[in-house]
Protein backbone atom coordinates (compact mmCIF):
# COMPACT_ATOMS: atom_id res chain seq x y z
CA MET A 1 -0.04 -49.95 23.18
CA MET A 2 3.10 -51.61 24.60
CA ASP A 3 3.31 -53.79 21.47
CA PHE A 4 3.14 -50.66 19.33
CA LEU A 5 5.85 -48.84 21.27
CA ILE A 6 8.18 -51.83 21.21
CA LYS A 7 7.78 -52.21 17.44
CA VAL A 8 8.45 -48.51 16.87
CA ILE A 9 11.56 -48.65 19.07
CA LEU A 10 12.80 -51.79 17.29
CA SER A 11 12.31 -50.05 13.95
CA TYR A 12 14.23 -47.00 15.14
CA LEU A 13 17.11 -49.16 16.35
CA LEU A 14 17.07 -51.05 13.03
CA GLY A 15 17.11 -47.75 11.15
CA SER A 16 20.09 -46.67 13.23
CA VAL A 17 22.20 -49.35 11.53
CA VAL A 18 23.52 -46.99 8.83
CA GLY A 19 24.78 -48.89 5.80
CA SER A 20 27.73 -46.67 4.93
CA LEU A 21 29.06 -46.60 8.48
CA LEU A 22 28.64 -50.35 8.95
CA VAL A 23 30.31 -51.19 5.64
CA GLY A 24 32.99 -48.60 6.33
CA ARG A 25 33.81 -50.20 9.67
CA LEU A 26 34.02 -53.63 8.04
CA ARG A 27 36.33 -52.20 5.39
CA GLY A 28 39.07 -50.81 7.57
CA GLY A 29 37.26 -48.15 9.55
CA VAL A 30 36.28 -45.79 6.73
CA ASP A 31 33.93 -43.03 7.95
CA ILE A 32 32.49 -41.32 4.87
CA ARG A 33 31.17 -38.51 7.08
CA ARG A 34 34.77 -37.26 6.93
CA LEU A 35 34.86 -37.48 3.13
CA GLY A 36 33.16 -35.77 0.19
CA SER A 37 29.94 -34.05 1.20
CA GLY A 38 30.19 -35.40 4.74
CA ASN A 39 26.88 -37.24 4.40
CA ALA A 40 26.51 -40.89 5.39
CA GLY A 41 24.25 -41.77 2.46
CA GLY A 42 24.56 -43.80 -0.71
CA THR A 43 25.40 -40.86 -3.01
CA ASN A 44 28.44 -39.85 -0.98
CA ALA A 45 29.42 -43.52 -0.66
CA LEU A 46 29.36 -43.85 -4.45
CA ARG A 47 31.35 -40.68 -5.01
CA THR A 48 34.03 -41.41 -2.43
CA GLN A 49 34.25 -45.23 -2.27
CA GLY A 50 32.97 -46.53 -5.58
CA LYS A 51 30.19 -48.75 -6.87
CA GLY A 52 30.87 -51.88 -4.83
CA PHE A 53 30.84 -50.02 -1.54
CA ALA A 54 27.72 -48.06 -2.54
CA PHE A 55 25.89 -51.24 -3.58
CA TRP A 56 26.13 -52.73 -0.09
CA VAL A 57 25.23 -49.40 1.48
CA MET A 58 22.05 -49.13 -0.58
CA LEU A 59 21.18 -52.78 0.03
CA ILE A 60 21.39 -52.29 3.80
CA ASP A 61 19.59 -48.93 3.86
CA ILE A 62 16.76 -50.03 1.58
CA GLY A 63 16.55 -53.44 3.27
CA LYS A 64 16.08 -52.07 6.77
CA GLY A 65 13.20 -49.86 5.59
CA TRP A 66 11.56 -52.90 4.03
CA VAL A 67 12.02 -55.03 7.14
CA ALA A 68 10.61 -52.24 9.33
CA THR A 69 7.36 -52.01 7.36
CA ARG A 70 6.99 -55.59 6.18
CA TRP A 71 8.15 -57.75 9.08
CA VAL A 72 8.32 -55.76 12.31
CA PRO A 73 4.54 -55.00 12.34
CA GLU A 74 3.84 -58.75 12.14
CA LEU A 75 5.82 -59.63 15.27
CA GLU A 76 3.64 -61.09 18.00
CA LEU A 77 5.19 -59.72 21.15
CA SER A 78 2.42 -60.02 23.71
CA GLY A 79 0.31 -62.85 22.31
CA SER A 80 -2.61 -60.49 21.64
CA SER A 81 -3.87 -59.87 18.10
CA MET A 82 -3.69 -56.46 16.52
CA ALA A 83 -6.92 -54.46 16.32
CA VAL A 84 -8.60 -54.56 12.91
CA GLY A 85 -7.61 -51.59 10.77
CA TRP A 86 -4.50 -50.74 12.78
CA TYR A 87 -1.94 -52.83 10.88
CA ASP A 88 -1.35 -50.19 8.19
CA TRP A 89 -0.83 -47.48 10.79
CA VAL A 90 1.60 -49.62 12.76
CA ALA A 91 3.54 -50.31 9.56
CA VAL A 92 3.63 -46.59 8.74
CA ALA A 93 4.85 -45.73 12.25
CA CYS A 94 7.56 -48.39 11.99
CA GLY A 95 8.63 -47.05 8.60
CA ILE A 96 8.89 -43.48 9.89
CA ALA A 97 10.83 -44.70 12.94
CA ALA A 98 13.32 -46.48 10.67
CA VAL A 99 13.83 -43.33 8.60
CA VAL A 100 14.32 -41.25 11.75
CA GLY A 101 16.80 -43.85 12.96
CA HIS A 102 18.75 -43.56 9.72
CA VAL A 103 18.87 -39.76 9.95
CA TYR A 104 19.58 -39.67 13.70
CA PRO A 105 21.22 -43.04 14.51
CA ILE A 106 21.78 -43.75 18.18
CA TRP A 107 24.72 -46.01 17.33
CA TYR A 108 26.62 -43.25 15.51
CA GLY A 109 26.20 -40.10 17.59
CA PHE A 110 22.91 -39.17 15.89
CA ARG A 111 24.75 -38.26 12.66
CA GLY A 112 23.40 -40.37 9.80
CA GLY A 113 22.25 -40.03 6.21
CA LYS A 114 19.42 -38.19 4.52
CA GLY A 115 16.90 -41.03 4.60
CA VAL A 116 16.00 -41.40 0.92
CA ALA A 117 17.05 -45.06 0.54
CA THR A 118 15.28 -46.02 3.77
CA VAL A 119 12.10 -44.29 2.59
CA ILE A 120 12.30 -46.33 -0.62
CA GLY A 121 12.66 -49.53 1.39
CA ALA A 122 9.75 -48.59 3.64
CA VAL A 123 7.53 -47.94 0.62
CA LEU A 124 8.62 -51.28 -0.82
CA GLY A 125 7.19 -52.91 2.30
CA LEU A 126 4.05 -50.76 2.46
CA ASP A 127 3.04 -50.87 -1.21
CA PRO A 128 5.64 -51.61 -3.93
CA TRP A 129 3.44 -50.02 -6.62
CA MET A 130 3.86 -46.64 -4.95
CA LEU A 131 7.52 -46.74 -5.89
CA ILE A 132 6.54 -46.02 -9.50
CA PRO A 133 5.47 -42.37 -9.03
CA MET A 134 8.42 -41.79 -6.69
CA LEU A 135 11.06 -43.16 -9.03
CA VAL A 136 9.56 -41.66 -12.19
CA THR A 137 9.41 -38.24 -10.54
CA TRP A 138 13.00 -38.60 -9.34
CA LEU A 139 14.24 -39.61 -12.79
CA VAL A 140 12.40 -36.84 -14.62
CA ALA A 141 13.62 -34.23 -12.12
CA VAL A 142 17.24 -35.35 -12.49
CA MET A 143 16.93 -35.36 -16.28
CA LEU A 144 15.41 -31.89 -16.47
CA LEU A 145 17.08 -30.11 -13.55
CA GLY A 146 20.25 -32.04 -12.71
CA PHE A 147 19.86 -31.67 -8.92
CA VAL A 148 19.82 -35.03 -7.15
CA GLY A 149 18.76 -33.50 -3.83
CA LEU A 150 15.82 -31.67 -5.38
CA ALA A 151 14.83 -34.82 -7.25
CA SER A 152 14.82 -36.74 -3.97
CA MET A 153 12.54 -34.17 -2.34
CA LEU A 154 10.16 -34.18 -5.30
CA GLY A 155 10.12 -37.98 -5.33
CA ALA A 156 9.05 -38.07 -1.69
CA LEU A 157 6.38 -35.48 -2.38
CA ALA A 158 5.14 -37.57 -5.32
CA LEU A 159 4.40 -40.40 -2.91
CA ALA A 160 2.06 -38.20 -0.87
CA VAL A 161 0.35 -36.90 -4.01
CA ALA A 162 -0.10 -40.41 -5.41
CA ALA A 163 -1.55 -41.62 -2.11
CA ALA A 164 -3.99 -38.69 -2.05
CA LEU A 165 -5.11 -39.03 -5.67
CA GLY A 166 -5.29 -42.83 -5.99
CA PRO A 167 -8.15 -44.31 -8.05
CA ALA A 168 -9.68 -45.85 -4.93
CA GLY A 169 -9.56 -42.55 -3.05
CA PRO A 170 -7.06 -41.26 -0.48
CA ARG A 171 -5.16 -43.92 1.45
CA GLN A 172 -4.89 -42.21 4.80
CA SER A 173 -2.02 -44.21 6.28
CA LEU A 174 0.11 -44.04 3.14
CA LEU A 175 -0.74 -40.36 2.71
CA ALA A 176 0.46 -39.72 6.26
CA PHE A 177 3.67 -41.62 5.54
CA GLY A 178 4.19 -39.62 2.33
CA ILE A 179 3.70 -36.26 4.04
CA VAL A 180 5.98 -37.07 6.98
CA SER A 181 8.61 -38.53 4.65
CA ALA A 182 8.51 -35.47 2.38
CA LEU A 183 9.01 -33.19 5.41
CA LEU A 184 11.87 -35.33 6.72
CA ILE A 185 13.59 -35.46 3.34
CA ALA A 186 13.22 -31.70 2.94
CA CYS A 187 14.68 -31.23 6.43
CA THR A 188 17.69 -33.42 5.70
CA HIS A 189 18.30 -31.52 2.46
CA ARG A 190 18.38 -28.07 4.09
CA ALA A 191 21.96 -27.50 2.99
CA ASN A 192 21.09 -28.48 -0.59
CA ILE A 193 18.18 -26.03 -0.58
CA ALA A 194 20.44 -23.25 0.68
CA ARG A 195 23.02 -23.99 -2.02
CA MET A 196 20.37 -24.07 -4.75
CA LEU A 197 19.07 -20.68 -3.61
CA ALA A 198 22.64 -19.36 -3.61
CA GLY A 199 23.35 -20.88 -7.03
CA THR A 200 26.24 -23.01 -5.73
CA GLU A 201 24.62 -26.46 -5.71
CA PRO A 202 26.53 -28.77 -8.12
CA ARG A 203 24.52 -30.44 -10.85
CA ALA A 204 24.74 -34.13 -11.58
CA ARG A 205 25.57 -35.08 -15.14
CA ARG A 206 22.18 -35.00 -16.85
CA LEU A 207 20.60 -38.24 -18.00
CA TRP A 208 19.10 -38.66 -21.46
CA LEU A 209 16.83 -41.46 -22.51
CA PHE A 210 18.20 -42.07 -25.97
CA GLY A 211 21.94 -42.22 -25.38
CA SER A 212 23.17 -38.67 -25.97
CA ARG A 213 24.39 -36.54 -23.10
CA ARG A 214 24.20 -32.79 -22.99
CA GLY A 215 24.86 -30.30 -20.27
CA GLY A 216 27.61 -30.07 -17.72
CA ALA A 217 28.34 -31.95 -14.55
């Protein structure tokens, strides 16, 4: 149990290293929470600081989710082996802790990002194939609807659905991760939901597969 708690705490602390705030500090003290949408995530980093800045933000935020689910569960902290069948659940708990750390980072006054990139990184460590339904759902939603926030919520939900309807039957640990992630992503997008209901949420420029662009920004 102590091993488990330490790994979860380590994952939370790792998740609390928010890419945009770290890169911003290294680049002259930029705090993107004071710019654009006020969010510390990759989308606001791209809009306010450009592609180079956003690349490093996404690399850090995705990377810490991957480390939390791929490497932290394998740490041998007490010299005792992990009980058979518990590895997947430990990895899921570490992934959720990293996402929570990103959203509520202890290093930055508990004001972080929305957690989407860290969820992607966590899934990359849990089962890279599960990224396919997430990313396809996100892309289709952006193409058809134009709302990045809604697409992110639907992508997280797609993970839970894919885990529940897999050809080998429900994968309980991954299903649990998908459900908790979907709830967390929905929670962090509360303002987006309110704006969509009010009809004031801005649309991203729609993407089209064969080169032509239609629709407004």
